[in-house]
């Protein structure tokens, strides 16, 4: 580029003759200095170089501005678009998958601390509570101080220990007179909304029977129906296998109770015994067309603080309506729900 002096004594940039400029495609590109990949300015005219700059970390296509100058290359553009698309495509409200829902960590920590204190049955200090809850000590201290201020826990200044407070009764008293079945209904609805199955709640009676006390099904699902009040022997079906798994029965005693059971397609006792053993390990069981032909059933039981089954929750689907993976997922979620309900109703922890 040549320089010439203008009138007035000032120097001005003048571009060289266009015919003397080499073709942008013919210009050598020094890869050691990526700054050469941006357009060069000649006075008030701009000539964009069509250069592809690539190395192991970056790859800009022709005419892409260079990231060193605060502009966005293809990689950044794609990343920004992807995030924007994800934000617009992410479901909201009740349709949001649980894995995508956002929760408040401070509230989760507070609930974890309250749950520990109510199950510990003894006052505890900050360090011990933090260690058992898996929360940082300073965070635990701030949460404890806030909960004590609200009256949900009590603080002993002498021992520096915390314990459940009378303020918890403000939340629990309204539930004391509520029927347990009514309390469990929202859990059944939540399960039915995520699985193509009829979700049934069975009450275990003292006379070795189970009674259907509630059931929920998604309206768009083709399903069989069972009347509330239906009764079955306690050891039959998927719920029965789970109940048998909680009882300390020998193989011969369980076989004696198995013989009079009525099934549409009776399983062999050895198969039933193996299913009970699996239910004892996993916490859930299946019935694949034995109790009722053409139906797949998964189930788990709600146990009290002594480990005795009080309720059973089953998922019933037409055979072939759910894949094996979906049926396994239903069974695991039934088990997780029964663990949570057992802790809430009877104070039975996960352990």
Foldseek 3Di string as FASTA:
>chain_A
DDWDADPPRDIDFADDDPVPDDDLVPDDDDLVDVVVQAWDDGHPDIDHRQDWHDDPPDTAHGPAHDVVVVGDGPVRVVVVVVVVVCVVPQDDDPPHDPVPDDDDPLVVLLVLLLLCQVLVPDWDAQVVSCVVSVHDSVSSVVSQVVCVVQQQWPADVVVRTIHGGPSVCVVVVVCPPPDVVVVCVVVQVVLQVVALFKKWKWFQDPVQKIFTQDIDHDPVHDYDDDDGGDMAGCLDFFNNLQQVLLDPDDLVRVVVVLVVHDWPAADDSVVSVVQSVVCNVQQKGWDACTRHHQKIKIKGFAAAQVSHGGMMMMTIDGPPPDDPVSVVVSNNVRRVVSQVVNCVPHVHHPD
